[in-house]
């Protein structure tokens, strides 16, 4: 399959992209053609008898126990706060009182 200017224009329209710069247009056209050529090359590979790959490895997720831990104390967390109260971060109001 060959990517031409009309196809590139349609893709740009659908993706809301602007390829008005001729150098950028030529570059993206070349990159898209390389992708299409790569996919076509993959289609040439004989995959009869090959099971679809669902997972990259047979490894199982190793999960840790969910334990509550205090790694940073309240004082350590508040130490770098630009504005703070005795026990709280102070931030600008983001909700109106209406």
C-alpha atoms as a PDB file:
ATOM      1  CA  UNK A   1       0.000   0.000   0.000  1.00  0.00           C
ATOM      2  CA  UNK A   2       1.286   3.412  -0.900  1.00  0.00           C
ATOM      3  CA  UNK A   3       0.553   6.455   1.244  1.00  0.00           C
ATOM      4  CA  UNK A   4      -0.121   9.395  -1.055  1.00  0.00           C
ATOM      5  CA  UNK A   5      -0.873  13.058  -0.396  1.00  0.00           C
ATOM      6  CA  UNK A   6      -4.635  12.511  -0.499  1.00  0.00           C
ATOM      7  CA  UNK A   7      -4.401   9.785   2.155  1.00  0.00           C
ATOM      8  CA  UNK A   8      -2.152  11.982   4.279  1.00  0.00           C
ATOM      9  CA  UNK A   9      -4.635  14.862   3.945  1.00  0.00           C
ATOM     10  CA  UNK A  10      -7.489  12.609   5.081  1.00  0.00           C
ATOM     11  CA  UNK A  11      -5.516  11.286   8.055  1.00  0.00           C
ATOM     12  CA  UNK A  12      -4.530  14.829   9.000  1.00  0.00           C
ATOM     13  CA  UNK A  13      -8.168  15.910   8.817  1.00  0.00           C
ATOM     14  CA  UNK A  14      -9.378  13.012  10.969  1.00  0.00           C
ATOM     15  CA  UNK A  15      -6.594  13.494  13.524  1.00  0.00           C
ATOM     16  CA  UNK A  16      -6.895  17.298  13.471  1.00  0.00           C
ATOM     17  CA  UNK A  17      -3.236  17.672  12.473  1.00  0.00           C
ATOM     18  CA  UNK A  18      -1.671  20.440  10.413  1.00  0.00           C
ATOM     19  CA  UNK A  19       1.026  19.501   7.944  1.00  0.00           C
ATOM     20  CA  UNK A  20       1.344  22.855   6.201  1.00  0.00           C
ATOM     21  CA  UNK A  21       5.162  22.903   6.469  1.00  0.00           C
ATOM     22  CA  UNK A  22       6.494  21.041   3.393  1.00  0.00           C
ATOM     23  CA  UNK A  23       9.464  19.592   5.284  1.00  0.00           C
ATOM     24  CA  UNK A  24       7.260  18.244   8.095  1.00  0.00           C
ATOM     25  CA  UNK A  25       4.778  16.925   5.533  1.00  0.00           C
ATOM     26  CA  UNK A  26       7.494  15.046   3.646  1.00  0.00           C
ATOM     27  CA  UNK A  27       8.909  13.664   6.888  1.00  0.00           C
ATOM     28  CA  UNK A  28       5.559  12.390   8.200  1.00  0.00           C
ATOM     29  CA  UNK A  29       4.713  10.932   4.789  1.00  0.00           C
ATOM     30  CA  UNK A  30       8.001   9.008   4.798  1.00  0.00           C
ATOM     31  CA  UNK A  31       7.488   7.821   8.403  1.00  0.00           C
ATOM     32  CA  UNK A  32       3.942   6.635   7.698  1.00  0.00           C
ATOM     33  CA  UNK A  33       5.108   4.775   4.604  1.00  0.00           C
ATOM     34  CA  UNK A  34       7.800   3.035   6.659  1.00  0.00           C
ATOM     35  CA  UNK A  35       5.157   1.888   9.168  1.00  0.00           C
ATOM     36  CA  UNK A  36       2.914   0.546   6.398  1.00  0.00           C
ATOM     37  CA  UNK A  37       5.877  -1.241   4.787  1.00  0.00           C
ATOM     38  CA  UNK A  38       6.768  -2.828   8.135  1.00  0.00           C
ATOM     39  CA  UNK A  39       3.220  -4.107   8.656  1.00  0.00           C
ATOM     40  CA  UNK A  40       3.146  -5.495   5.123  1.00  0.00           C
ATOM     41  CA  UNK A  41       6.428  -7.265   5.815  1.00  0.00           C
ATOM     42  CA  UNK A  42       4.895  -8.819   8.942  1.00  0.00           C
ATOM     43  CA  UNK A  43       1.975 -10.077   6.848  1.00  0.00           C
ATOM     44  CA  UNK A  44       4.450 -12.129   4.781  1.00  0.00           C
ATOM     45  CA  UNK A  45       5.419 -14.252   7.800  1.00  0.00           C
ATOM     46  CA  UNK A  46       3.851 -17.718   7.917  1.00  0.00           C
ATOM     47  CA  UNK A  47       2.004 -17.971  11.232  1.00  0.00           C
ATOM     48  CA  UNK A  48       0.187 -21.270  10.698  1.00  0.00           C
ATOM     49  CA  UNK A  49       0.257 -23.328  13.880  1.00  0.00           C
ATOM     50  CA  UNK A  50       1.487 -20.437  16.010  1.00  0.00           C
ATOM     51  CA  UNK A  51      -0.621 -19.722  19.068  1.00  0.00           C
ATOM     52  CA  UNK A  52      -1.584 -16.083  19.632  1.00  0.00           C
ATOM     53  CA  UNK A  53       0.581 -14.357  22.218  1.00  0.00           C
ATOM     54  CA  UNK A  54      -1.535 -13.152  25.100  1.00  0.00           C
ATOM     55  CA  UNK A  55       1.164 -12.568  27.723  1.00  0.00           C
ATOM     56  CA  UNK A  56       4.811 -11.723  27.155  1.00  0.00           C
ATOM     57  CA  UNK A  57       6.014 -14.125  29.860  1.00  0.00           C
ATOM     58  CA  UNK A  58       4.693 -16.997  31.933  1.00  0.00           C
ATOM     59  CA  UNK A  59       5.560 -15.101  35.111  1.00  0.00           C
ATOM     60  CA  UNK A  60       2.799 -14.424  37.594  1.00  0.00           C
ATOM     61  CA  UNK A  61       2.422 -11.072  39.308  1.00  0.00           C
ATOM     62  CA  UNK A  62       4.108 -11.049  42.670  1.00  0.00           C
ATOM     63  CA  UNK A  63       2.080  -8.864  44.966  1.00  0.00           C
ATOM     64  CA  UNK A  64       3.055  -7.714  48.408  1.00  0.00           C
ATOM     65  CA  UNK A  65       0.716  -7.817  51.371  1.00  0.00           C
ATOM     66  CA  UNK A  66      -1.323  -4.669  51.793  1.00  0.00           C
ATOM     67  CA  UNK A  67      -0.037  -3.307  55.065  1.00  0.00           C
ATOM     68  CA  UNK A  68      -0.457   0.179  56.458  1.00  0.00           C
ATOM     69  CA  UNK A  69       2.991   1.648  57.013  1.00  0.00           C
ATOM     70  CA  UNK A  70       4.111   5.096  58.062  1.00  0.00           C
ATOM     71  CA  UNK A  71       7.202   5.937  56.075  1.00  0.00           C
ATOM     72  CA  UNK A  72       6.974   9.734  56.201  1.00  0.00           C
ATOM     73  CA  UNK A  73       5.909  11.400  59.392  1.00  0.00           C
ATOM     74  CA  UNK A  74       3.488  14.291  59.413  1.00  0.00           C
ATOM     75  CA  UNK A  75       6.253  16.682  60.437  1.00  0.00           C
ATOM     76  CA  UNK A  76       8.519  15.495  57.609  1.00  0.00           C
ATOM     77  CA  UNK A  77       5.731  15.964  55.061  1.00  0.00           C
ATOM     78  CA  UNK A  78       4.897  19.441  56.336  1.00  0.00           C
ATOM     79  CA  UNK A  79       8.536  20.509  56.432  1.00  0.00           C
ATOM     80  CA  UNK A  80       8.641  21.317  52.687  1.00  0.00           C
ATOM     81  CA  UNK A  81       5.154  22.808  52.432  1.00  0.00           C
ATOM     82  CA  UNK A  82       5.182  26.443  51.255  1.00  0.00           C
ATOM     83  CA  UNK A  83       2.189  27.303  53.467  1.00  0.00           C
ATOM     84  CA  UNK A  84       1.087  25.186  56.396  1.00  0.00           C
ATOM     85  CA  UNK A  85      -0.839  25.251  59.634  1.00  0.00           C
ATOM     86  CA  UNK A  86       0.194  23.281  62.692  1.00  0.00           C
ATOM     87  CA  UNK A  87      -1.036  19.955  61.243  1.00  0.00           C
ATOM     88  CA  UNK A  88      -2.288  20.739  57.729  1.00  0.00           C
ATOM     89  CA  UNK A  89      -1.217  21.934  54.293  1.00  0.00           C
ATOM     90  CA  UNK A  90      -2.843  25.256  53.430  1.00  0.00           C
ATOM     91  CA  UNK A  91      -3.989  25.564  49.822  1.00  0.00           C
ATOM     92  CA  UNK A  92      -6.020  28.161  47.916  1.00  0.00           C
ATOM     93  CA  UNK A  93      -9.790  27.744  47.950  1.00  0.00           C
ATOM     94  CA  UNK A  94     -10.979  25.927  44.827  1.00  0.00           C
ATOM     95  CA  UNK A  95     -14.717  25.681  45.553  1.00  0.00           C
ATOM     96  CA  UNK A  96     -16.982  28.713  45.783  1.00  0.00           C
ATOM     97  CA  UNK A  97     -19.309  29.107  48.771  1.00  0.00           C
ATOM     98  CA  UNK A  98     -22.418  29.456  46.554  1.00  0.00           C
END
